[in-house]
Full PDB file with SEQRES, HELIX, SHEET, SSBOND, CRYST1, ORIGX, SCALE, CONECT and MASTER records, all heavy atoms in Angstrom:
SEQRES   1 A   44  MET CYS LEU LEU LEU ILE GLU GLY ILE ASP LYS THR PRO          
SEQRES   2 A   44  GLU ASP MET SER GLU VAL ILE PRO SER CYS SER ILE VAL          
SEQRES   3 A   44  PHE GLY GLY PRO PHE ALA ARG THR MET GLY ILE ILE LEU          
SEQRES   4 A   44  ILE LEU PHE LEU GLY                                          
HELIX    1 AA1 CYS A    2  GLU A    7  1                                   6    
HELIX    2 AA2 PRO A   13  SER A   17  1                                   5    
HELIX    3 AA3 PRO A   30  LEU A   43  1                                  14    
CRYST1    1.000    1.000    1.000  90.00  90.00  90.00 P 1           1          
ORIGX1      1.000000  0.000000  0.000000        0.00000                         
ORIGX2      0.000000  1.000000  0.000000        0.00000                         
ORIGX3      0.000000  0.000000  1.000000        0.00000                         
SCALE1      1.000000  0.000000  0.000000        0.00000                         
SCALE2      0.000000  1.000000  0.000000        0.00000                         
SCALE3      0.000000  0.000000  1.000000        0.00000                         
ATOM      1  N   MET A   1     281.821 192.122 220.091  1.00  0.00           N  
ATOM      2  CA  MET A   1     282.934 191.749 220.953  1.00  0.00           C  
ATOM      3  C   MET A   1     284.218 192.467 220.532  1.00  0.00           C  
ATOM      4  O   MET A   1     284.988 192.945 221.372  1.00  0.00           O  
ATOM      5  CB  MET A   1     283.132 190.232 220.907  1.00  0.00           C  
ATOM      6  CG  MET A   1     284.223 189.720 221.831  1.00  0.00           C  
ATOM      7  SD  MET A   1     284.450 187.933 221.722  1.00  0.00           S  
ATOM      8  CE  MET A   1     285.096 187.789 220.049  1.00  0.00           C  
ATOM      9  N   CYS A   2     284.451 192.556 219.217  1.00  0.00           N  
ATOM     10  CA  CYS A   2     285.639 193.251 218.724  1.00  0.00           C  
ATOM     11  C   CYS A   2     285.612 194.735 219.095  1.00  0.00           C  
ATOM     12  O   CYS A   2     286.638 195.305 219.485  1.00  0.00           O  
ATOM     13  CB  CYS A   2     285.744 193.095 217.208  1.00  0.00           C  
ATOM     14  SG  CYS A   2     286.153 191.421 216.665  1.00  0.00           S  
ATOM     15  N   LEU A   3     284.450 195.352 218.986  1.00  0.00           N  
ATOM     16  CA  LEU A   3     284.328 196.761 219.358  1.00  0.00           C  
ATOM     17  C   LEU A   3     284.559 196.965 220.848  1.00  0.00           C  
ATOM     18  O   LEU A   3     285.171 197.956 221.264  1.00  0.00           O  
ATOM     19  CB  LEU A   3     282.944 197.289 218.965  1.00  0.00           C  
ATOM     20  CG  LEU A   3     282.682 197.462 217.461  1.00  0.00           C  
ATOM     21  CD1 LEU A   3     281.253 197.920 217.219  1.00  0.00           C  
ATOM     22  CD2 LEU A   3     283.661 198.444 216.837  1.00  0.00           C  
ATOM     23  N   LEU A   4     284.087 196.019 221.652  1.00  0.00           N  
ATOM     24  CA  LEU A   4     284.345 196.105 223.097  1.00  0.00           C  
ATOM     25  C   LEU A   4     285.840 196.017 223.394  1.00  0.00           C  
ATOM     26  O   LEU A   4     286.367 196.747 224.245  1.00  0.00           O  
ATOM     27  CB  LEU A   4     283.592 194.989 223.824  1.00  0.00           C  
ATOM     28  CG  LEU A   4     282.090 195.188 224.035  1.00  0.00           C  
ATOM     29  CD1 LEU A   4     281.471 193.934 224.628  1.00  0.00           C  
ATOM     30  CD2 LEU A   4     281.820 196.382 224.944  1.00  0.00           C  
ATOM     31  N   LEU A   5     286.522 195.124 222.693  1.00  0.00           N  
ATOM     32  CA  LEU A   5     287.970 194.978 222.887  1.00  0.00           C  
ATOM     33  C   LEU A   5     288.702 196.244 222.462  1.00  0.00           C  
ATOM     34  O   LEU A   5     289.658 196.679 223.119  1.00  0.00           O  
ATOM     35  CB  LEU A   5     288.490 193.776 222.099  1.00  0.00           C  
ATOM     36  CG  LEU A   5     288.032 192.398 222.593  1.00  0.00           C  
ATOM     37  CD1 LEU A   5     288.514 191.306 221.650  1.00  0.00           C  
ATOM     38  CD2 LEU A   5     288.533 192.137 224.013  1.00  0.00           C  
ATOM     39  N   ILE A   6     288.272 196.865 221.369  1.00  0.00           N  
ATOM     40  CA  ILE A   6     288.908 198.094 220.900  1.00  0.00           C  
ATOM     41  C   ILE A   6     288.654 199.236 221.878  1.00  0.00           C  
ATOM     42  O   ILE A   6     289.554 200.022 222.197  1.00  0.00           O  
ATOM     43  CB  ILE A   6     288.383 198.456 219.492  1.00  0.00           C  
ATOM     44  CG1 ILE A   6     288.855 197.410 218.474  1.00  0.00           C  
ATOM     45  CG2 ILE A   6     288.851 199.850 219.076  1.00  0.00           C  
ATOM     46  CD1 ILE A   6     288.237 197.567 217.107  1.00  0.00           C  
ATOM     47  N   GLU A   7     287.409 199.324 222.372  1.00  0.00           N  
ATOM     48  CA  GLU A   7     287.068 200.376 223.327  1.00  0.00           C  
ATOM     49  C   GLU A   7     287.855 200.216 224.631  1.00  0.00           C  
ATOM     50  O   GLU A   7     288.208 201.205 225.271  1.00  0.00           O  
ATOM     51  CB  GLU A   7     285.567 200.350 223.622  1.00  0.00           C  
ATOM     52  CG  GLU A   7     284.686 200.817 222.482  1.00  0.00           C  
ATOM     53  CD  GLU A   7     284.734 202.316 222.291  1.00  0.00           C  
ATOM     54  OE1 GLU A   7     284.860 203.050 223.288  1.00  0.00           O  
ATOM     55  OE2 GLU A   7     284.646 202.746 221.126  1.00  0.00           O  
ATOM     56  N   GLY A   8     288.099 198.971 225.024  1.00  0.00           N  
ATOM     57  CA  GLY A   8     288.774 198.723 226.297  1.00  0.00           C  
ATOM     58  C   GLY A   8     290.250 198.460 226.182  1.00  0.00           C  
ATOM     59  O   GLY A   8     290.859 197.936 227.119  1.00  0.00           O  
ATOM     60  N   ILE A   9     290.839 198.835 225.034  1.00  0.00           N  
ATOM     61  CA  ILE A   9     292.252 198.523 224.818  1.00  0.00           C  
ATOM     62  C   ILE A   9     293.167 199.297 225.776  1.00  0.00           C  
ATOM     63  O   ILE A   9     294.267 198.863 226.109  1.00  0.00           O  
ATOM     64  CB  ILE A   9     292.631 198.812 223.338  1.00  0.00           C  
ATOM     65  CG1 ILE A   9     293.946 198.126 222.990  1.00  0.00           C  
ATOM     66  CG2 ILE A   9     292.700 200.316 223.074  1.00  0.00           C  
ATOM     67  CD1 ILE A   9     294.244 198.138 221.502  1.00  0.00           C  
ATOM     68  N   ASP A  10     292.698 200.479 226.214  1.00  0.00           N  
ATOM     69  CA  ASP A  10     293.506 201.286 227.129  1.00  0.00           C  
ATOM     70  C   ASP A  10     293.106 201.079 228.589  1.00  0.00           C  
ATOM     71  O   ASP A  10     293.570 201.798 229.471  1.00  0.00           O  
ATOM     72  CB  ASP A  10     293.389 202.764 226.768  1.00  0.00           C  
ATOM     73  CG  ASP A  10     291.957 203.260 226.806  1.00  0.00           C  
ATOM     74  OD1 ASP A  10     291.045 202.408 226.757  1.00  0.00           O  
ATOM     75  OD2 ASP A  10     291.754 204.494 226.890  1.00  0.00           O  
ATOM     76  N   LYS A  11     292.226 200.107 228.836  1.00  0.00           N  
ATOM     77  CA  LYS A  11     291.786 199.826 230.205  1.00  0.00           C  
ATOM     78  C   LYS A  11     292.587 198.672 230.791  1.00  0.00           C  
ATOM     79  O   LYS A  11     292.898 197.699 230.094  1.00  0.00           O  
ATOM     80  CB  LYS A  11     290.300 199.458 230.227  1.00  0.00           C  
ATOM     81  CG  LYS A  11     289.368 200.505 229.632  1.00  0.00           C  
ATOM     82  CD  LYS A  11     289.247 201.719 230.528  1.00  0.00           C  
ATOM     83  CE  LYS A  11     288.227 202.700 229.948  1.00  0.00           C  
ATOM     84  NZ  LYS A  11     288.107 203.920 230.766  1.00  0.00           N  
ATOM     85  N   THR A  12     292.876 198.781 232.063  1.00  0.00           N  
ATOM     86  CA  THR A  12     293.567 197.700 232.761  1.00  0.00           C  
ATOM     87  C   THR A  12     292.529 196.717 233.319  1.00  0.00           C  
ATOM     88  O   THR A  12     291.349 197.062 233.453  1.00  0.00           O  
ATOM     89  CB  THR A  12     294.411 198.260 233.915  1.00  0.00           C  
ATOM     90  OG1 THR A  12     293.530 198.874 234.877  1.00  0.00           O  
ATOM     91  CG2 THR A  12     295.412 199.292 233.405  1.00  0.00           C  
ATOM     92  N   PRO A  13     292.948 195.485 233.651  1.00  0.00           N  
ATOM     93  CA  PRO A  13     292.000 194.543 234.272  1.00  0.00           C  
ATOM     94  C   PRO A  13     291.363 195.097 235.545  1.00  0.00           C  
ATOM     95  O   PRO A  13     290.208 194.794 235.852  1.00  0.00           O  
ATOM     96  CB  PRO A  13     292.870 193.319 234.565  1.00  0.00           C  
ATOM     97  CG  PRO A  13     293.977 193.382 233.559  1.00  0.00           C  
ATOM     98  CD  PRO A  13     294.242 194.846 233.354  1.00  0.00           C  
ATOM     99  N   GLU A  14     292.137 195.912 236.285  1.00  0.00           N  
ATOM    100  CA  GLU A  14     291.569 196.511 237.494  1.00  0.00           C  
ATOM    101  C   GLU A  14     290.446 197.489 237.162  1.00  0.00           C  
ATOM    102  O   GLU A  14     289.432 197.558 237.874  1.00  0.00           O  
ATOM    103  CB  GLU A  14     292.676 197.236 238.283  1.00  0.00           C  
ATOM    104  CG  GLU A  14     293.699 196.308 238.933  1.00  0.00           C  
ATOM    105  CD  GLU A  14     294.693 195.751 237.930  1.00  0.00           C  
ATOM    106  OE1 GLU A  14     294.784 196.314 236.802  1.00  0.00           O  
ATOM    107  OE2 GLU A  14     295.359 194.755 238.240  1.00  0.00           O  
ATOM    108  N   ASP A  15     290.627 198.236 236.073  1.00  0.00           N  
ATOM    109  CA  ASP A  15     289.578 199.168 235.658  1.00  0.00           C  
ATOM    110  C   ASP A  15     288.312 198.423 235.247  1.00  0.00           C  
ATOM    111  O   ASP A  15     287.191 198.848 235.556  1.00  0.00           O  
ATOM    112  CB  ASP A  15     290.055 200.030 234.486  1.00  0.00           C  
ATOM    113  CG  ASP A  15     291.151 201.001 234.898  1.00  0.00           C  
ATOM    114  OD1 ASP A  15     291.191 201.374 236.083  1.00  0.00           O  
ATOM    115  OD2 ASP A  15     291.972 201.364 234.034  1.00  0.00           O  
ATOM    116  N   MET A  16     288.465 197.316 234.544  1.00  0.00           N  
ATOM    117  CA  MET A  16     287.313 196.572 234.049  1.00  0.00           C  
ATOM    118  C   MET A  16     286.558 195.886 235.179  1.00  0.00           C  
ATOM    119  O   MET A  16     285.342 195.684 235.082  1.00  0.00           O  
ATOM    120  CB  MET A  16     287.749 195.534 233.011  1.00  0.00           C  
ATOM    121  CG  MET A  16     288.407 196.146 231.773  1.00  0.00           C  
ATOM    122  SD  MET A  16     287.360 197.340 230.934  1.00  0.00           S  
ATOM    123  CE  MET A  16     286.039 196.287 230.369  1.00  0.00           C  
ATOM    124  N   SER A  17     287.259 195.490 236.230  1.00  0.00           N  
ATOM    125  CA  SER A  17     286.611 194.797 237.351  1.00  0.00           C  
ATOM    126  C   SER A  17     286.201 195.744 238.469  1.00  0.00           C  
ATOM    127  O   SER A  17     285.643 195.318 239.479  1.00  0.00           O  
ATOM    128  CB  SER A  17     287.550 193.729 237.922  1.00  0.00           C  
ATOM    129  OG  SER A  17     288.760 194.315 238.370  1.00  0.00           O  
ATOM    130  N   GLU A  18     286.451 197.043 238.283  1.00  0.00           N  
ATOM    131  CA  GLU A  18     286.108 198.026 239.305  1.00  0.00           C  
ATOM    132  C   GLU A  18     284.593 198.079 239.490  1.00  0.00           C  
ATOM    133  O   GLU A  18     283.830 198.168 238.519  1.00  0.00           O  
ATOM    134  CB  GLU A  18     286.629 199.402 238.890  1.00  0.00           C  
ATOM    135  CG  GLU A  18     286.305 200.502 239.884  1.00  0.00           C  
ATOM    136  CD  GLU A  18     286.744 201.863 239.386  1.00  0.00           C  
ATOM    137  OE1 GLU A  18     287.237 201.948 238.244  1.00  0.00           O  
ATOM    138  OE2 GLU A  18     286.560 202.847 240.134  1.00  0.00           O  
ATOM    139  N   VAL A  19     284.126 198.044 240.731  1.00  0.00           N  
ATOM    140  CA  VAL A  19     282.706 198.114 241.051  1.00  0.00           C  
ATOM    141  C   VAL A  19     282.288 199.572 241.113  1.00  0.00           C  
ATOM    142  O   VAL A  19     282.807 200.341 241.916  1.00  0.00           O  
ATOM    143  CB  VAL A  19     282.394 197.404 242.383  1.00  0.00           C  
ATOM    144  CG1 VAL A  19     280.915 197.550 242.727  1.00  0.00           C  
ATOM    145  CG2 VAL A  19     282.783 195.937 242.306  1.00  0.00           C  
ATOM    146  N   ILE A  20     281.330 199.959 240.247  1.00  0.00           N  
ATOM    147  CA  ILE A  20     280.892 201.348 240.161  1.00  0.00           C  
ATOM    148  C   ILE A  20     279.368 201.383 240.080  1.00  0.00           C  
ATOM    149  O   ILE A  20     278.737 200.414 239.648  1.00  0.00           O  
ATOM    150  CB  ILE A  20     281.493 202.046 238.925  1.00  0.00           C  
ATOM    151  CG1 ILE A  20     281.200 201.218 237.664  1.00  0.00           C  
ATOM    152  CG2 ILE A  20     282.974 202.272 239.085  1.00  0.00           C  
ATOM    153  CD1 ILE A  20     281.692 201.865 236.384  1.00  0.00           C  
ATOM    154  N   PRO A  21     278.730 202.491 240.489  1.00  0.00           N  
ATOM    155  CA  PRO A  21     277.263 202.587 240.404  1.00  0.00           C  
ATOM    156  C   PRO A  21     276.764 202.741 238.974  1.00  0.00           C  
ATOM    157  O   PRO A  21     275.641 202.410 238.657  1.00  0.00           O  
ATOM    158  CB  PRO A  21     276.938 203.839 241.237  1.00  0.00           C  
ATOM    159  CG  PRO A  21     278.194 204.635 241.209  1.00  0.00           C  
ATOM    160  CD  PRO A  21     279.323 203.655 241.153  1.00  0.00           C  
ATOM    161  N   SER A  22     277.589 203.277 238.093  1.00  0.00           N  
ATOM    162  CA  SER A  22     277.234 203.432 236.689  1.00  0.00           C  
ATOM    163  C   SER A  22     278.514 203.727 235.931  1.00  0.00           C  
ATOM    164  O   SER A  22     279.579 203.894 236.531  1.00  0.00           O  
ATOM    165  CB  SER A  22     276.221 204.564 236.496  1.00  0.00           C  
ATOM    166  OG  SER A  22     275.848 204.651 235.134  1.00  0.00           O  
ATOM    167  N   CYS A  23     278.442 203.751 234.615  1.00  0.00           N  
ATOM    168  CA  CYS A  23     279.630 204.050 233.824  1.00  0.00           C  
ATOM    169  C   CYS A  23     279.216 204.757 232.549  1.00  0.00           C  
ATOM    170  O   CYS A  23     278.071 204.702 232.127  1.00  0.00           O  
ATOM    171  CB  CYS A  23     280.416 202.783 233.503  1.00  0.00           C  
ATOM    172  SG  CYS A  23     279.601 201.706 232.309  1.00  0.00           S  
ATOM    173  N   SER A  24     280.187 205.435 231.945  1.00  0.00           N  
ATOM    174  CA  SER A  24     279.907 206.115 230.684  1.00  0.00           C  
ATOM    175  C   SER A  24     279.569 205.081 229.617  1.00  0.00           C  
ATOM    176  O   SER A  24     280.082 203.968 229.613  1.00  0.00           O  
ATOM    177  CB  SER A  24     281.118 206.936 230.250  1.00  0.00           C  
ATOM    178  OG  SER A  24     282.239 206.079 230.082  1.00  0.00           O  
ATOM    179  N   ILE A  25     278.682 205.474 228.702  1.00  0.00           N  
ATOM    180  CA  ILE A  25     278.233 204.552 227.674  1.00  0.00           C  
ATOM    181  C   ILE A  25     279.356 204.281 226.701  1.00  0.00           C  
ATOM    182  O   ILE A  25     280.065 205.184 226.264  1.00  0.00           O  
ATOM    183  CB  ILE A  25     277.014 205.140 226.939  1.00  0.00           C  
ATOM    184  CG1 ILE A  25     275.878 205.334 227.934  1.00  0.00           C  
ATOM    185  CG2 ILE A  25     276.558 204.248 225.817  1.00  0.00           C  
ATOM    186  CD1 ILE A  25     274.682 206.024 227.357  1.00  0.00           C  
ATOM    187  N   VAL A  26     279.529 203.023 226.352  1.00  0.00           N  
ATOM    188  CA  VAL A  26     280.612 202.634 225.455  1.00  0.00           C  
ATOM    189  C   VAL A  26     280.168 202.805 224.013  1.00  0.00           C  
ATOM    190  O   VAL A  26     279.060 203.225 223.719  1.00  0.00           O  
ATOM    191  CB  VAL A  26     281.033 201.178 225.720  1.00  0.00           C  
ATOM    192  CG1 VAL A  26     281.621 201.047 227.100  1.00  0.00           C  
ATOM    193  CG2 VAL A  26     279.860 200.233 225.547  1.00  0.00           C  
ATOM    194  N   PHE A  27     281.090 202.458 223.115  1.00  0.00           N  
ATOM    195  CA  PHE A  27     280.872 202.581 221.666  1.00  0.00           C  
ATOM    196  C   PHE A  27     280.675 204.038 221.258  1.00  0.00           C  
ATOM    197  O   PHE A  27     279.932 204.339 220.328  1.00  0.00           O  
ATOM    198  CB  PHE A  27     279.673 201.766 221.200  1.00  0.00           C  
ATOM    199  CG  PHE A  27     279.853 200.277 221.349  1.00  0.00           C  
ATOM    200  CD1 PHE A  27     278.805 199.421 221.117  1.00  0.00           C  
ATOM    201  CD2 PHE A  27     281.069 199.737 221.727  1.00  0.00           C  
ATOM    202  CE1 PHE A  27     278.949 198.046 221.255  1.00  0.00           C  
ATOM    203  CE2 PHE A  27     281.235 198.379 221.869  1.00  0.00           C  
ATOM    204  CZ  PHE A  27     280.182 197.527 221.640  1.00  0.00           C  
ATOM    205  N   GLY A  28     281.334 204.967 221.962  1.00  0.00           N  
ATOM    206  CA  GLY A  28     281.254 206.377 221.602  1.00  0.00           C  
ATOM    207  C   GLY A  28     282.486 206.867 220.884  1.00  0.00           C  
ATOM    208  O   GLY A  28     282.560 208.036 220.523  1.00  0.00           O  
ATOM    209  N   GLY A  29     283.463 205.966 220.652  1.00  0.00           N  
ATOM    210  CA  GLY A  29     284.674 206.350 219.952  1.00  0.00           C  
ATOM    211  C   GLY A  29     284.455 206.518 218.464  1.00  0.00           C  
ATOM    212  O   GLY A  29     283.452 206.058 217.907  1.00  0.00           O  
ATOM    213  N   PRO A  30     285.413 207.160 217.790  1.00  0.00           N  
ATOM    214  CA  PRO A  30     285.266 207.400 216.338  1.00  0.00           C  
ATOM    215  C   PRO A  30     285.128 206.109 215.522  1.00  0.00           C  
ATOM    216  O   PRO A  30     284.336 206.061 214.577  1.00  0.00           O  
ATOM    217  CB  PRO A  30     286.560 208.141 215.971  1.00  0.00           C  
ATOM    218  CG  PRO A  30     287.036 208.718 217.255  1.00  0.00           C  
ATOM    219  CD  PRO A  30     286.630 207.768 218.327  1.00  0.00           C  
ATOM    220  N   PHE A  31     285.894 205.075 215.882  1.00  0.00           N  
ATOM    221  CA  PHE A  31     285.838 203.833 215.107  1.00  0.00           C  
ATOM    222  C   PHE A  31     284.469 203.166 215.228  1.00  0.00           C  
ATOM    223  O   PHE A  31     283.881 202.743 214.225  1.00  0.00           O  
ATOM    224  CB  PHE A  31     286.930 202.869 215.594  1.00  0.00           C  
ATOM    225  CG  PHE A  31     286.961 201.567 214.837  1.00  0.00           C  
ATOM    226  CD1 PHE A  31     287.485 201.503 213.558  1.00  0.00           C  
ATOM    227  CD2 PHE A  31     286.431 200.411 215.401  1.00  0.00           C  
ATOM    228  CE1 PHE A  31     287.498 200.308 212.852  1.00  0.00           C  
ATOM    229  CE2 PHE A  31     286.445 199.207 214.705  1.00  0.00           C  
ATOM    230  CZ  PHE A  31     286.984 199.163 213.421  1.00  0.00           C  
ATOM    231  N   ALA A  32     283.945 203.073 216.454  1.00  0.00           N  
ATOM    232  CA  ALA A  32     282.639 202.439 216.667  1.00  0.00           C  
ATOM    233  C   ALA A  32     281.536 203.232 215.971  1.00  0.00           C  
ATOM    234  O   ALA A  32     280.632 202.655 215.355  1.00  0.00           O  
ATOM    235  CB  ALA A  32     282.343 202.321 218.159  1.00  0.00           C  
ATOM    236  N   ARG A  33     281.611 204.573 216.052  1.00  0.00           N  
ATOM    237  CA  ARG A  33     280.603 205.398 215.394  1.00  0.00           C  
ATOM    238  C   ARG A  33     280.672 205.251 213.876  1.00  0.00           C  
ATOM    239  O   ARG A  33     279.640 205.168 213.200  1.00  0.00           O  
ATOM    240  CB  ARG A  33     280.788 206.858 215.803  1.00  0.00           C  
ATOM    241  CG  ARG A  33     280.407 207.117 217.262  1.00  0.00           C  
ATOM    242  CD  ARG A  33     280.800 208.506 217.732  1.00  0.00           C  
ATOM    243  NE  ARG A  33     280.344 209.529 216.811  1.00  0.00           N  
ATOM    244  CZ  ARG A  33     281.156 210.416 216.219  1.00  0.00           C  
ATOM    245  NH1 ARG A  33     282.459 210.370 216.452  1.00  0.00           N  
ATOM    246  NH2 ARG A  33     280.669 211.322 215.416  1.00  0.00           N  
ATOM    247  N   THR A  34     281.872 205.211 213.338  1.00  0.00           N  
ATOM    248  CA  THR A  34     282.028 205.047 211.891  1.00  0.00           C  
ATOM    249  C   THR A  34     281.481 203.709 211.424  1.00  0.00           C  
ATOM    250  O   THR A  34     280.786 203.625 210.394  1.00  0.00           O  
ATOM    251  CB  THR A  34     283.513 205.164 211.491  1.00  0.00           C  
ATOM    252  OG1 THR A  34     284.024 206.427 211.933  1.00  0.00           O  
ATOM    253  CG2 THR A  34     283.682 205.051 209.986  1.00  0.00           C  
ATOM    254  N   MET A  35     281.763 202.647 212.175  1.00  0.00           N  
ATOM    255  CA  MET A  35     281.244 201.321 211.817  1.00  0.00           C  
ATOM    256  C   MET A  35     279.721 201.292 211.868  1.00  0.00           C  
ATOM    257  O   MET A  35     279.065 200.676 211.023  1.00  0.00           O  
ATOM    258  CB  MET A  35     281.820 200.269 212.774  1.00  0.00           C  
ATOM    259  CG  MET A  35     283.314 200.010 212.601  1.00  0.00           C  
ATOM    260  SD  MET A  35     283.707 199.305 210.989  1.00  0.00           S  
ATOM    261  CE  MET A  35     282.923 197.710 211.124  1.00  0.00           C  
ATOM    262  N   GLY A  36     279.148 201.965 212.861  1.00  0.00           N  
ATOM    263  CA  GLY A  36     277.694 202.020 212.973  1.00  0.00           C  
ATOM    264  C   GLY A  36     277.060 202.737 211.794  1.00  0.00           C  
ATOM    265  O   GLY A  36     276.046 202.292 211.240  1.00  0.00           O  
ATOM    266  N   ILE A  37     277.651 203.871 211.398  1.00  0.00           N  
ATOM    267  CA  ILE A  37     277.129 204.630 210.261  1.00  0.00           C  
ATOM    268  C   ILE A  37     277.231 203.814 208.976  1.00  0.00           C  
ATOM    269  O   ILE A  37     276.289 203.768 208.172  1.00  0.00           O  
ATOM    270  CB  ILE A  37     277.882 205.970 210.122  1.00  0.00           C  
ATOM    271  CG1 ILE A  37     277.555 206.879 211.308  1.00  0.00           C  
ATOM    272  CG2 ILE A  37     277.529 206.656 208.808  1.00  0.00           C  
ATOM    273  CD1 ILE A  37     278.385 208.143 211.355  1.00  0.00           C  
ATOM    274  N   ILE A  38     278.378 203.153 208.773  1.00  0.00           N  
ATOM    275  CA  ILE A  38     278.568 202.348 207.558  1.00  0.00           C  
ATOM    276  C   ILE A  38     277.540 201.226 207.498  1.00  0.00           C  
ATOM    277  O   ILE A  38     276.949 200.947 206.442  1.00  0.00           O  
ATOM    278  CB  ILE A  38     280.004 201.780 207.516  1.00  0.00           C  
ATOM    279  CG1 ILE A  38     281.013 202.905 207.279  1.00  0.00           C  
ATOM    280  CG2 ILE A  38     280.134 200.714 206.422  1.00  0.00           C  
ATOM    281  CD1 ILE A  38     282.458 202.465 207.371  1.00  0.00           C  
ATOM    282  N   LEU A  39     277.316 200.543 208.629  1.00  0.00           N  
ATOM    283  CA  LEU A  39     276.356 199.432 208.653  1.00  0.00           C  
ATOM    284  C   LEU A  39     274.944 199.913 208.307  1.00  0.00           C  
ATOM    285  O   LEU A  39     274.256 199.300 207.474  1.00  0.00           O  
ATOM    286  CB  LEU A  39     276.359 198.766 210.027  1.00  0.00           C  
ATOM    287  CG  LEU A  39     275.333 197.638 210.216  1.00  0.00           C  
ATOM    288  CD1 LEU A  39     275.640 196.475 209.292  1.00  0.00           C  
ATOM    289  CD2 LEU A  39     275.288 197.168 211.672  1.00  0.00           C  
ATOM    290  N   ILE A  40     274.504 201.011 208.924  1.00  0.00           N  
ATOM    291  CA  ILE A  40     273.154 201.511 208.677  1.00  0.00           C  
ATOM    292  C   ILE A  40     272.995 201.964 207.231  1.00  0.00           C  
ATOM    293  O   ILE A  40     271.981 201.676 206.578  1.00  0.00           O  
ATOM    294  CB  ILE A  40     272.817 202.650 209.654  1.00  0.00           C  
ATOM    295  CG1 ILE A  40     272.741 202.106 211.086  1.00  0.00           C  
ATOM    296  CG2 ILE A  40     271.493 203.312 209.284  1.00  0.00           C  
ATOM    297  CD1 ILE A  40     272.534 203.165 212.137  1.00  0.00           C  
ATOM    298  N   LEU A  41     274.003 202.684 206.694  1.00  0.00           N  
ATOM    299  CA  LEU A  41     273.933 203.130 205.303  1.00  0.00           C  
ATOM    300  C   LEU A  41     273.937 201.947 204.344  1.00  0.00           C  
ATOM    301  O   LEU A  41     273.231 201.956 203.324  1.00  0.00           O  
ATOM    302  CB  LEU A  41     275.099 204.076 204.990  1.00  0.00           C  
ATOM    303  CG  LEU A  41     275.062 205.440 205.690  1.00  0.00           C  
ATOM    304  CD1 LEU A  41     276.303 206.245 205.340  1.00  0.00           C  
ATOM    305  CD2 LEU A  41     273.808 206.216 205.303  1.00  0.00           C  
ATOM    306  N   PHE A  42     274.725 200.923 204.664  1.00  0.00           N  
ATOM    307  CA  PHE A  42     274.789 199.729 203.814  1.00  0.00           C  
ATOM    308  C   PHE A  42     273.444 199.002 203.785  1.00  0.00           C  
ATOM    309  O   PHE A  42     272.916 198.671 202.712  1.00  0.00           O  
ATOM    310  CB  PHE A  42     275.886 198.794 204.326  1.00  0.00           C  
ATOM    311  CG  PHE A  42     275.964 197.485 203.597  1.00  0.00           C  
ATOM    312  CD1 PHE A  42     276.401 197.432 202.281  1.00  0.00           C  
ATOM    313  CD2 PHE A  42     275.599 196.305 204.225  1.00  0.00           C  
ATOM    314  CE1 PHE A  42     276.465 196.218 201.599  1.00  0.00           C  
ATOM    315  CE2 PHE A  42     275.667 195.096 203.561  1.00  0.00           C  
ATOM    316  CZ  PHE A  42     276.099 195.050 202.244  1.00  0.00           C  
ATOM    317  N   LEU A  43     272.865 198.784 204.972  1.00  0.00           N  
ATOM    318  CA  LEU A  43     271.563 198.111 205.042  1.00  0.00           C  
ATOM    319  C   LEU A  43     270.478 198.978 204.402  1.00  0.00           C  
ATOM    320  O   LEU A  43     269.592 198.464 203.707  1.00  0.00           O  
ATOM    321  CB  LEU A  43     271.207 197.807 206.503  1.00  0.00           C  
ATOM    322  CG  LEU A  43     272.137 196.832 207.238  1.00  0.00           C  
ATOM    323  CD1 LEU A  43     271.679 196.665 208.682  1.00  0.00           C  
ATOM    324  CD2 LEU A  43     272.183 195.486 206.544  1.00  0.00           C  
ATOM    325  N   GLY A  44     270.538 200.281 204.646  1.00  0.00           N  
ATOM    326  CA  GLY A  44     269.563 201.173 204.022  1.00  0.00           C  
ATOM    327  C   GLY A  44     269.652 201.154 202.511  1.00  0.00           C  
ATOM    328  O   GLY A  44     268.624 201.185 201.813  1.00  0.00           O  
TER     329      GLY A  44                                                      
MASTER        0    0    0    3    0    0    0    6  328    1    0    4          
END                                                                             
């Protein structure tokens, strides 16, 4: 949930409620990627 909020920090409510056929995949920002790498390395 926190990562979603960070990813959508520059989005307006209109952007989030916009009806679209598809959307770009989220969690592609540097912060989300870094957190993912840290988690996998930590568990590994």
